[in-house]
Amino acid sequence: MKHKASITIILLSMFLVAQFIGLFVVNAYAPESQTIINPETGIQEIMMTEGSLPFGLQSSVDEKPGLGSILFSFLMAFALIFILMKYKWKAVIKIWFIFVISLALGLAIYAILKYTPLPNISIVALAIAIPLALIKIFWRNFYVHNLTELLIYPGIAAVFVPILNTTSVIILLIIISLYDAWAVWKSGIMQKMAKFQMDELKIFGGFMVPKMSDKVRAQIKKIKVKYKNKEMPKKIKEKKFKISMAILGGGDVIFPIITAGVFMQAFNIIPALFVIFGALGGLSSIFLFSHKGKAYPAMPYITTGIFIGLIIWKILPL
């Protein structure tokens, strides 16, 4: 087992919560049906109005990119990150992170505020999102980091769901899974990227849960027992212990949200739930059967779980 049961449960719980927040956010931007009366026939007709994204992100039907354009955009984004990492342009990377995080948070918060009577919700959403992004980047806090991650991926998913269909999202999952396997097992790019983010930038795109080794835990317990009911020396108070992090990459969270959102809009909530719990099963298999200290590409397992979930959905008379 890769992590202790408590750590595994926390990571899986955050993954699951992010998926359901994702469905809520995607649904908030989904096309809506309106009943209108045809002026020529006088007959009631149902008209679908396209969902609208705020902050100028909405594209017209004719301008929507295809799968090839989306894959090219991902490729360019990864290439740009690698170049910035190679030359250690930390300031540029942080500015990029702030922009993307602010926008993604803004989309998620806007989706929530849509159901409130507040005026100018786009301004309010950004007024909340930008400070959270700045806190996340410059004032490291475990709780702020993970709470914002729960909203970032639903916000990003809201941009991609409207421009994908069930066929293209399945192809996307396969390509991303193959890339993830290559990037982890063959080239090691994913490990290098995660290490650079955490060591150089002091940020990470994904969930993070601090975990203490048994040795460190025993040392802390020993100190507490020794200085029980006594004044602890300043040197001991300020003593630093090495704490590792259990992580789950952002891509492993966002692609199931996108897939679930696409199937929800194409059909209904039922296949979306099969996607989510299939992805959860695939992710759980890594945590349960992987070994400590080894890196594993999560997307091949998550994608397999999603496909199994969809097959079960098609088989069952639902």
Foldseek 3Di string as FASTA:
>chain_A
DADPPVVLVVQLVLLLLLLVLLLLLLVLQAWDWDWDQDPVPRDIDIDTHGGDFPPPLDDDPVPQDALVVVVVVVVVVVVVLVVCLVVVVLVVVLVVQLVLLLQQQLSSQLSVCVPPPDPPSSVVSSVVRNVLSCCVQPPPDQVSQSVSLSRNLSSVLSSVLVRDALVSLLVVLVVVLVVLQCCVVPVVVVVVSQCCCCPPRVHAAWHKDKDDDPVVVVVVVVQCVVQPVHDDDPCVVPDDDDIDIDTDHSVLSNSLSNNLSNVCSVPHNQLSVLLSVLLSVLQVCCVVPPHYPGDDRSSVSSSRSNVVSNVVVVPDPD
